[in-house]
Amino acid sequence: MPFTACSEEHQAPPSLDQGGDDENDKPVDPGDGPASGKEKMLWFDAEANFARFASQDSIRYWLDRAVETGFNRIVVDVKPVEGDVLYKSDFMTELTDFRGTKTDRTWDYLQFFLDEAHKRGLKVTVSTTIFPMGMPSTRQGPVYRDSKWNGKTCLQNKPKA
């Protein structure tokens, strides 16, 4: 018997340009806000937003925009592929310099996101990459700072031409 991901009761949704006759087939109203109970998630990518979220005011601004546009859950990415993290850690290096943007945070990025999101009634999911520990294109990250990784990456010890 072949494997299936859906039960026999599963039906494909109607195409986007055709409405169904059933009340449940109506398109979702984009005006449905957090009170609707429907989960509406917005992802804050660590790499794409490093410069944008270098200040607390900017984080507040974008969380306010998220709420105003009807999101009720955010995903906060806290470890880009470069390998350093965007939170205070006893064993990981905090990312403070990325693609020309330097920050001198005296505050915990993740904790600030959590506190401010909860003030706005937003649920928070934290996302992290697990294995990446360095960015070959910039030679930035833990794997390029610690000699214990020598010879264990394909680009770190690339012969010079």
N, C-alpha and C. Protein backbone atom coordinates (compact mmCIF):
# COMPACT_ATOMS: atom_id res chain seq x y z
N MET A 1 0.85 -1.17 0.00
CA MET A 1 0.00 0.00 0.00
C MET A 1 0.90 1.24 0.00
N PRO A 2 0.64 2.20 -0.87
CA PRO A 2 1.46 3.40 -0.91
C PRO A 2 1.21 4.28 0.31
N PHE A 3 2.23 5.04 0.66
CA PHE A 3 2.10 5.98 1.76
C PHE A 3 1.32 7.20 1.30
N THR A 4 0.58 7.79 2.21
CA THR A 4 -0.17 9.00 1.88
C THR A 4 -0.06 9.98 3.04
N ALA A 5 -0.05 11.25 2.72
CA ALA A 5 0.09 12.28 3.75
C ALA A 5 -1.26 12.77 4.24
N CYS A 6 -2.32 12.44 3.53
CA CYS A 6 -3.64 12.95 3.90
C CYS A 6 -4.62 11.80 4.04
N SER A 7 -5.65 12.04 4.80
CA SER A 7 -6.68 11.03 4.95
C SER A 7 -7.55 11.01 3.70
N GLU A 8 -8.40 10.00 3.59
CA GLU A 8 -9.29 9.91 2.44
C GLU A 8 -10.28 11.06 2.43
N GLU A 9 -10.54 11.66 3.57
CA GLU A 9 -11.48 12.77 3.63
C GLU A 9 -10.90 14.06 3.07
N HIS A 10 -9.58 14.07 2.90
CA HIS A 10 -8.92 15.28 2.41
C HIS A 10 -9.38 15.61 1.00
N GLN A 11 -9.71 16.87 0.78
CA GLN A 11 -10.06 17.33 -0.55
C GLN A 11 -9.18 18.52 -0.87
N ALA A 12 -8.81 18.65 -2.10
CA ALA A 12 -8.01 19.79 -2.51
C ALA A 12 -8.86 21.06 -2.38
N PRO A 13 -8.25 22.16 -1.97
CA PRO A 13 -9.02 23.41 -1.87
C PRO A 13 -9.41 23.89 -3.26
N PRO A 14 -10.48 24.70 -3.35
CA PRO A 14 -10.84 25.23 -4.65
C PRO A 14 -9.73 26.12 -5.17
N SER A 15 -9.63 26.25 -6.48
CA SER A 15 -8.59 27.11 -7.02
C SER A 15 -8.84 28.54 -6.55
N LEU A 16 -7.80 29.36 -6.55
CA LEU A 16 -7.91 30.71 -6.02
C LEU A 16 -8.89 31.58 -6.78
N ASP A 17 -9.10 31.31 -8.06
CA ASP A 17 -9.99 32.16 -8.83
C ASP A 17 -11.42 31.65 -8.86
N GLN A 18 -11.70 30.55 -8.16
CA GLN A 18 -13.06 30.02 -8.11
C GLN A 18 -13.48 29.87 -6.66
N GLY A 19 -14.58 30.46 -6.31
CA GLY A 19 -15.10 30.32 -4.96
C GLY A 19 -16.00 29.09 -4.89
N GLY A 20 -16.12 28.53 -3.72
CA GLY A 20 -17.02 27.41 -3.52
C GLY A 20 -18.35 27.91 -2.99
N ASP A 21 -19.34 27.02 -2.94
CA ASP A 21 -20.64 27.40 -2.43
C ASP A 21 -20.69 27.33 -0.92
N ASP A 22 -19.79 26.60 -0.32
CA ASP A 22 -19.78 26.41 1.13
C ASP A 22 -19.21 27.64 1.82
N GLU A 23 -19.72 27.98 2.97
CA GLU A 23 -19.24 29.13 3.76
C GLU A 23 -17.74 29.03 4.02
N ASN A 24 -17.22 27.82 4.24
CA ASN A 24 -15.80 27.64 4.53
C ASN A 24 -14.91 27.83 3.31
N ASP A 25 -15.50 27.89 2.12
CA ASP A 25 -14.72 28.05 0.91
C ASP A 25 -14.45 29.51 0.57
N LYS A 26 -15.01 30.44 1.35
CA LYS A 26 -14.81 31.85 1.06
C LYS A 26 -13.37 32.25 1.33
N PRO A 27 -12.82 33.19 0.54
CA PRO A 27 -11.45 33.64 0.78
C PRO A 27 -11.32 34.26 2.17
N VAL A 28 -10.14 34.14 2.74
CA VAL A 28 -9.87 34.74 4.04
C VAL A 28 -9.86 36.24 3.88
N ASP A 29 -10.55 36.93 4.75
CA ASP A 29 -10.56 38.39 4.74
C ASP A 29 -9.24 38.89 5.29
N PRO A 30 -8.45 39.65 4.49
CA PRO A 30 -7.17 40.12 5.00
C PRO A 30 -7.33 41.03 6.20
N GLY A 31 -8.53 41.52 6.45
CA GLY A 31 -8.76 42.38 7.60
C GLY A 31 -8.92 41.61 8.90
N ASP A 32 -8.98 40.27 8.81
CA ASP A 32 -9.07 39.48 10.04
C ASP A 32 -7.84 39.76 10.88
N GLY A 33 -8.03 40.28 12.06
CA GLY A 33 -6.90 40.62 12.92
C GLY A 33 -6.57 39.50 13.87
N PRO A 34 -5.67 39.76 14.82
CA PRO A 34 -5.27 38.74 15.78
C PRO A 34 -6.44 38.15 16.55
N ALA A 35 -7.51 38.92 16.74
CA ALA A 35 -8.64 38.43 17.51
C ALA A 35 -9.39 37.33 16.78
N SER A 36 -9.16 37.18 15.47
CA SER A 36 -9.89 36.18 14.70
C SER A 36 -9.52 34.75 15.09
N GLY A 37 -8.39 34.57 15.76
CA GLY A 37 -7.95 33.25 16.15
C GLY A 37 -7.16 32.53 15.09
N LYS A 38 -7.13 33.09 13.90
CA LYS A 38 -6.35 32.49 12.82
C LYS A 38 -4.90 32.92 12.99
N GLU A 39 -3.99 31.97 12.85
CA GLU A 39 -2.57 32.32 12.99
C GLU A 39 -2.07 33.00 11.74
N LYS A 40 -1.46 34.16 11.96
CA LYS A 40 -0.85 34.93 10.87
C LYS A 40 0.57 35.26 11.31
N MET A 41 1.52 34.62 10.64
CA MET A 41 2.90 34.64 11.08
C MET A 41 3.77 35.51 10.18
N LEU A 42 4.66 36.26 10.80
CA LEU A 42 5.63 37.08 10.08
C LEU A 42 7.03 36.68 10.54
N TRP A 43 7.91 36.41 9.58
CA TRP A 43 9.26 35.95 9.86
C TRP A 43 10.22 37.13 9.81
N PHE A 44 11.04 37.28 10.87
CA PHE A 44 12.09 38.29 10.91
C PHE A 44 13.42 37.58 10.71
N ASP A 45 13.91 37.60 9.49
CA ASP A 45 15.15 36.92 9.14
C ASP A 45 16.35 37.66 9.71
N ALA A 46 17.28 36.94 10.29
CA ALA A 46 18.44 37.55 10.94
C ALA A 46 19.37 38.25 9.95
N GLU A 47 19.64 37.60 8.83
CA GLU A 47 20.57 38.20 7.87
C GLU A 47 19.96 39.41 7.18
N ALA A 48 18.77 39.26 6.67
CA ALA A 48 18.14 40.34 5.92
C ALA A 48 17.84 41.55 6.79
N ASN A 49 17.68 41.35 8.09
CA ASN A 49 17.24 42.43 8.97
C ASN A 49 18.28 42.86 10.00
N PHE A 50 19.52 42.42 9.85
CA PHE A 50 20.52 42.76 10.86
C PHE A 50 20.66 44.28 11.02
N ALA A 51 20.80 45.00 9.94
CA ALA A 51 20.95 46.46 10.01
C ALA A 51 19.64 47.10 10.46
N ARG A 52 18.53 46.60 9.97
CA ARG A 52 17.21 47.18 10.29
C ARG A 52 16.91 47.08 11.79
N PHE A 53 17.35 46.00 12.43
CA PHE A 53 17.04 45.78 13.84
C PHE A 53 18.23 46.05 14.75
N ALA A 54 19.08 46.97 14.35
CA ALA A 54 20.24 47.34 15.16
C ALA A 54 19.85 48.21 16.34
N SER A 55 18.63 48.76 16.31
CA SER A 55 18.20 49.62 17.43
C SER A 55 16.86 49.13 17.99
N GLN A 56 16.63 49.43 19.25
CA GLN A 56 15.37 49.05 19.89
C GLN A 56 14.19 49.79 19.27
N ASP A 57 14.38 51.05 18.91
CA ASP A 57 13.29 51.82 18.29
C ASP A 57 12.82 51.17 16.99
N SER A 58 13.76 50.67 16.21
CA SER A 58 13.40 50.04 14.96
C SER A 58 12.62 48.74 15.20
N ILE A 59 13.03 47.98 16.18
CA ILE A 59 12.31 46.74 16.51
C ILE A 59 10.88 47.09 16.94
N ARG A 60 10.75 48.08 17.79
CA ARG A 60 9.40 48.51 18.22
C ARG A 60 8.56 48.91 17.02
N TYR A 61 9.14 49.70 16.13
CA TYR A 61 8.43 50.18 14.94
C TYR A 61 7.90 49.01 14.12
N TRP A 62 8.76 48.02 13.83
CA TRP A 62 8.34 46.92 12.98
C TRP A 62 7.37 45.98 13.68
N LEU A 63 7.48 45.84 14.99
CA LEU A 63 6.48 45.05 15.72
C LEU A 63 5.12 45.75 15.69
N ASP A 64 5.12 47.07 15.82
CA ASP A 64 3.86 47.82 15.70
C ASP A 64 3.24 47.63 14.32
N ARG A 65 4.07 47.67 13.27
CA ARG A 65 3.55 47.47 11.90
C ARG A 65 3.00 46.05 11.76
N ALA A 66 3.66 45.08 12.38
CA ALA A 66 3.17 43.69 12.30
C ALA A 66 1.77 43.58 12.89
N VAL A 67 1.57 44.19 14.06
CA VAL A 67 0.26 44.15 14.70
C VAL A 67 -0.78 44.90 13.86
N GLU A 68 -0.42 46.07 13.36
CA GLU A 68 -1.34 46.87 12.55
C GLU A 68 -1.80 46.15 11.29
N THR A 69 -0.96 45.30 10.76
CA THR A 69 -1.32 44.59 9.53
C THR A 69 -1.93 43.22 9.79
N GLY A 70 -2.20 42.90 11.07
CA GLY A 70 -2.97 41.71 11.39
C GLY A 70 -2.18 40.47 11.77
N PHE A 71 -0.87 40.59 11.94
CA PHE A 71 -0.11 39.41 12.36
C PHE A 71 -0.31 39.18 13.85
N ASN A 72 -0.30 37.89 14.25
CA ASN A 72 -0.44 37.58 15.67
C ASN A 72 0.69 36.67 16.17
N ARG A 73 1.59 36.30 15.29
CA ARG A 73 2.76 35.50 15.66
C ARG A 73 3.94 35.98 14.83
N ILE A 74 5.09 36.05 15.48
CA ILE A 74 6.31 36.37 14.75
C ILE A 74 7.32 35.25 14.94
N VAL A 75 8.20 35.11 13.97
CA VAL A 75 9.32 34.19 14.08
C VAL A 75 10.56 35.06 14.09
N VAL A 76 11.36 34.93 15.14
CA VAL A 76 12.59 35.71 15.27
C VAL A 76 13.76 34.77 15.03
N ASP A 77 14.47 35.02 13.94
CA ASP A 77 15.66 34.24 13.59
C ASP A 77 16.83 34.80 14.38
N VAL A 78 17.55 33.96 15.11
CA VAL A 78 18.60 34.45 16.01
C VAL A 78 20.00 33.92 15.70
N LYS A 79 20.15 33.18 14.60
CA LYS A 79 21.49 32.70 14.25
C LYS A 79 21.59 32.55 12.74
N PRO A 80 22.15 33.53 12.08
CA PRO A 80 22.32 33.39 10.63
C PRO A 80 23.40 32.37 10.30
N VAL A 81 23.53 32.04 9.03
CA VAL A 81 24.48 31.01 8.63
C VAL A 81 25.92 31.39 8.96
N GLU A 82 26.17 32.64 9.21
CA GLU A 82 27.51 33.09 9.59
C GLU A 82 27.96 32.39 10.87
N GLY A 83 27.03 32.04 11.76
CA GLY A 83 27.36 31.21 12.90
C GLY A 83 27.31 31.86 14.26
N ASP A 84 27.40 33.19 14.34
CA ASP A 84 27.28 33.85 15.64
C ASP A 84 25.81 34.11 15.92
N VAL A 85 25.48 34.45 17.16
CA VAL A 85 24.07 34.51 17.56
C VAL A 85 23.63 35.93 17.94
N LEU A 86 22.32 36.11 17.95
CA LEU A 86 21.72 37.40 18.29
C LEU A 86 21.03 37.33 19.65
N TYR A 87 21.75 36.83 20.62
CA TYR A 87 21.27 36.79 22.01
C TYR A 87 22.49 36.66 22.91
N LYS A 88 22.31 36.95 24.17
CA LYS A 88 23.42 36.81 25.12
C LYS A 88 23.63 35.32 25.40
N SER A 89 24.87 34.88 25.34
CA SER A 89 25.19 33.47 25.54
C SER A 89 26.49 33.33 26.30
N ASP A 90 26.56 32.30 27.12
CA ASP A 90 27.80 32.01 27.85
C ASP A 90 28.82 31.27 26.99
N PHE A 91 28.38 30.68 25.85
CA PHE A 91 29.33 29.91 25.06
C PHE A 91 29.32 30.23 23.57
N MET A 92 28.38 31.02 23.10
CA MET A 92 28.35 31.42 21.69
C MET A 92 28.72 32.90 21.61
N THR A 93 29.37 33.27 20.51
CA THR A 93 29.74 34.67 20.31
C THR A 93 28.54 35.44 19.77
N GLU A 94 28.31 36.60 20.34
CA GLU A 94 27.20 37.44 19.88
C GLU A 94 27.60 38.15 18.59
N LEU A 95 26.72 38.14 17.62
CA LEU A 95 26.96 38.79 16.33
C LEU A 95 26.77 40.30 16.48
N THR A 96 27.84 41.04 16.26
CA THR A 96 27.78 42.51 16.39
C THR A 96 28.28 43.23 15.15
N ASP A 97 28.78 42.48 14.17
CA ASP A 97 29.33 43.08 12.96
C ASP A 97 28.95 42.18 11.79
N PHE A 98 28.08 42.69 10.92
CA PHE A 98 27.59 41.86 9.82
C PHE A 98 27.39 42.70 8.58
N ARG A 99 28.13 42.37 7.53
CA ARG A 99 27.99 43.02 6.23
C ARG A 99 28.02 44.55 6.31
N GLY A 100 28.98 45.06 7.06
CA GLY A 100 29.17 46.50 7.13
C GLY A 100 28.37 47.21 8.21
N THR A 101 27.51 46.51 8.91
CA THR A 101 26.75 47.12 10.00
C THR A 101 27.32 46.61 11.31
N LYS A 102 27.75 47.55 12.15
CA LYS A 102 28.27 47.19 13.47
C LYS A 102 27.29 47.69 14.52
N THR A 103 27.09 46.87 15.53
CA THR A 103 26.23 47.26 16.65
C THR A 103 27.03 47.12 17.94
N ASP A 104 26.69 47.92 18.89
CA ASP A 104 27.30 47.84 20.21
C ASP A 104 26.16 47.68 21.20
N ARG A 105 25.55 46.49 21.18
CA ARG A 105 24.37 46.28 22.01
C ARG A 105 24.74 46.09 23.46
N THR A 106 24.08 46.84 24.30
CA THR A 106 24.18 46.64 25.74
C THR A 106 22.93 45.90 26.22
N TRP A 107 22.12 45.48 25.27
CA TRP A 107 20.85 44.81 25.55
C TRP A 107 20.80 43.50 24.77
N ASP A 108 19.99 42.58 25.24
CA ASP A 108 19.85 41.27 24.61
C ASP A 108 18.79 41.36 23.51
N TYR A 109 19.22 41.16 22.28
CA TYR A 109 18.36 41.25 21.09
C TYR A 109 17.13 40.36 21.23
N LEU A 110 17.34 39.08 21.51
CA LEU A 110 16.23 38.15 21.61
C LEU A 110 15.29 38.51 22.76
N GLN A 111 15.84 38.80 23.93
CA GLN A 111 14.99 39.13 25.07
C GLN A 111 14.16 40.38 24.79
N PHE A 112 14.76 41.35 24.10
CA PHE A 112 14.02 42.56 23.76
C PHE A 112 12.87 42.23 22.81
N PHE A 113 13.13 41.41 21.80
CA PHE A 113 12.07 40.99 20.89
C PHE A 113 10.94 40.29 21.66
N LEU A 114 11.31 39.38 22.56
CA LEU A 114 10.30 38.65 23.34
C LEU A 114 9.46 39.61 24.18
N ASP A 115 10.11 40.49 24.91
CA ASP A 115 9.39 41.42 25.79
C ASP A 115 8.46 42.33 25.00
N GLU A 116 8.98 42.91 23.92
CA GLU A 116 8.18 43.85 23.13
C GLU A 116 7.05 43.15 22.38
N ALA A 117 7.29 41.96 21.87
CA ALA A 117 6.25 41.21 21.18
C ALA A 117 5.12 40.86 22.14
N HIS A 118 5.47 40.42 23.34
CA HIS A 118 4.44 40.06 24.31
C HIS A 118 3.64 41.27 24.75
N LYS A 119 4.25 42.44 24.85
CA LYS A 119 3.51 43.67 25.16
C LYS A 119 2.42 43.94 24.13
N ARG A 120 2.65 43.48 22.91
CA ARG A 120 1.72 43.72 21.81
C ARG A 120 0.78 42.53 21.57
N GLY A 121 0.87 41.54 22.44
CA GLY A 121 0.00 40.37 22.30
C GLY A 121 0.43 39.41 21.20
N LEU A 122 1.66 39.52 20.75
CA LEU A 122 2.18 38.63 19.71
C LEU A 122 2.78 37.38 20.33
N LYS A 123 2.52 36.25 19.72
CA LYS A 123 3.20 35.02 20.10
C LYS A 123 4.54 35.00 19.36
N VAL A 124 5.53 34.34 19.95
CA VAL A 124 6.86 34.35 19.37
C VAL A 124 7.38 32.92 19.22
N THR A 125 7.94 32.65 18.05
CA THR A 125 8.69 31.43 17.80
C THR A 125 10.11 31.86 17.51
N VAL A 126 11.07 31.18 18.09
CA VAL A 126 12.48 31.50 17.86
C VAL A 126 13.04 30.47 16.89
N SER A 127 13.75 30.96 15.89
CA SER A 127 14.35 30.08 14.89
C SER A 127 15.86 30.23 14.91
N THR A 128 16.55 29.13 14.71
CA THR A 128 18.00 29.17 14.66
C THR A 128 18.50 28.12 13.68
N THR A 129 19.57 28.43 12.99
CA THR A 129 20.24 27.41 12.21
C THR A 129 21.12 26.64 13.18
N ILE A 130 21.24 25.37 12.99
CA ILE A 130 21.96 24.53 13.94
C ILE A 130 23.42 24.34 13.55
N PHE A 131 23.68 23.88 12.36
CA PHE A 131 25.03 23.48 11.98
C PHE A 131 25.92 24.57 11.40
N PRO A 132 25.41 25.49 10.59
CA PRO A 132 26.33 26.46 9.98
C PRO A 132 27.11 27.25 11.03
N MET A 133 28.41 27.34 10.79
CA MET A 133 29.28 28.03 11.74
C MET A 133 30.23 28.99 11.04
N GLY A 134 29.94 29.34 9.80
CA GLY A 134 30.79 30.29 9.10
C GLY A 134 30.29 30.54 7.70
N MET A 135 30.57 31.74 7.22
CA MET A 135 30.13 32.14 5.89
C MET A 135 31.36 32.19 4.97
N PRO A 136 31.48 31.24 4.04
CA PRO A 136 32.66 31.20 3.18
C PRO A 136 32.89 32.48 2.38
N SER A 137 31.82 33.13 1.92
CA SER A 137 32.00 34.31 1.08
C SER A 137 32.66 35.47 1.82
N THR A 138 32.45 35.54 3.13
CA THR A 138 33.06 36.63 3.91
C THR A 138 34.13 36.12 4.87
N ARG A 139 34.26 34.79 4.96
CA ARG A 139 35.20 34.15 5.89
C ARG A 139 34.95 34.69 7.31
N GLN A 140 33.69 34.79 7.66
CA GLN A 140 33.29 35.29 8.96
C GLN A 140 32.56 34.19 9.72
N GLY A 141 32.81 34.09 11.00
CA GLY A 141 32.13 33.13 11.84
C GLY A 141 33.11 32.32 12.67
N PRO A 142 32.58 31.53 13.61
CA PRO A 142 33.42 30.76 14.53
C PRO A 142 34.42 29.85 13.84
N VAL A 143 34.04 29.24 12.73
CA VAL A 143 34.93 28.30 12.07
C VAL A 143 36.18 29.00 11.52
N TYR A 144 36.08 30.30 11.26
CA TYR A 144 37.23 31.05 10.74
C TYR A 144 38.05 31.71 11.85
N ARG A 145 37.57 31.66 13.08
CA ARG A 145 38.29 32.26 14.21
C ARG A 145 39.01 31.25 15.08
N ASP A 146 38.62 29.99 14.99
CA ASP A 146 39.14 28.98 15.90
C ASP A 146 39.93 27.93 15.12
N SER A 147 41.20 27.76 15.45
CA SER A 147 42.07 26.85 14.70
C SER A 147 41.65 25.39 14.81
N LYS A 148 40.82 25.04 15.79
CA LYS A 148 40.38 23.64 15.89
C LYS A 148 39.59 23.21 14.66
N TRP A 149 39.10 24.16 13.85
CA TRP A 149 38.34 23.84 12.66
C TRP A 149 39.24 23.74 11.41
N ASN A 150 40.52 24.04 11.53
CA ASN A 150 41.42 23.98 10.38
C ASN A 150 41.34 22.62 9.70
N GLY A 151 41.19 22.64 8.40
CA GLY A 151 41.13 21.40 7.63
C GLY A 151 39.77 20.72 7.63
N LYS A 152 38.81 21.25 8.35
CA LYS A 152 37.50 20.62 8.44
C LYS A 152 36.45 21.32 7.57
N THR A 153 36.86 22.38 6.87
CA THR A 153 35.95 23.06 5.97
C THR A 153 36.54 23.03 4.57
N CYS A 154 35.69 23.06 3.58
CA CYS A 154 36.17 22.94 2.20
C CYS A 154 36.85 24.22 1.72
N LEU A 155 36.51 25.38 2.25
CA LEU A 155 37.07 26.63 1.74
C LEU A 155 38.07 27.29 2.68
N GLN A 156 38.16 26.80 3.90
CA GLN A 156 39.00 27.48 4.86
C GLN A 156 40.48 27.40 4.48
N ASN A 157 40.92 26.25 4.05
CA ASN A 157 42.34 26.06 3.73
C ASN A 157 42.55 25.94 2.23
N LYS A 158 41.77 26.66 1.47
CA LYS A 158 41.88 26.64 0.03
C LYS A 158 43.27 27.10 -0.40
N PRO A 159 43.93 26.33 -1.26
CA PRO A 159 45.29 26.73 -1.69
C PRO A 159 45.26 28.07 -2.41
N LYS A 160 46.27 28.86 -2.18
CA LYS A 160 46.38 30.16 -2.83
C LYS A 160 46.90 29.96 -4.24
N ALA A 161 46.33 30.69 -5.18
CA ALA A 161 46.73 30.56 -6.60
C ALA A 161 48.04 31.25 -6.87
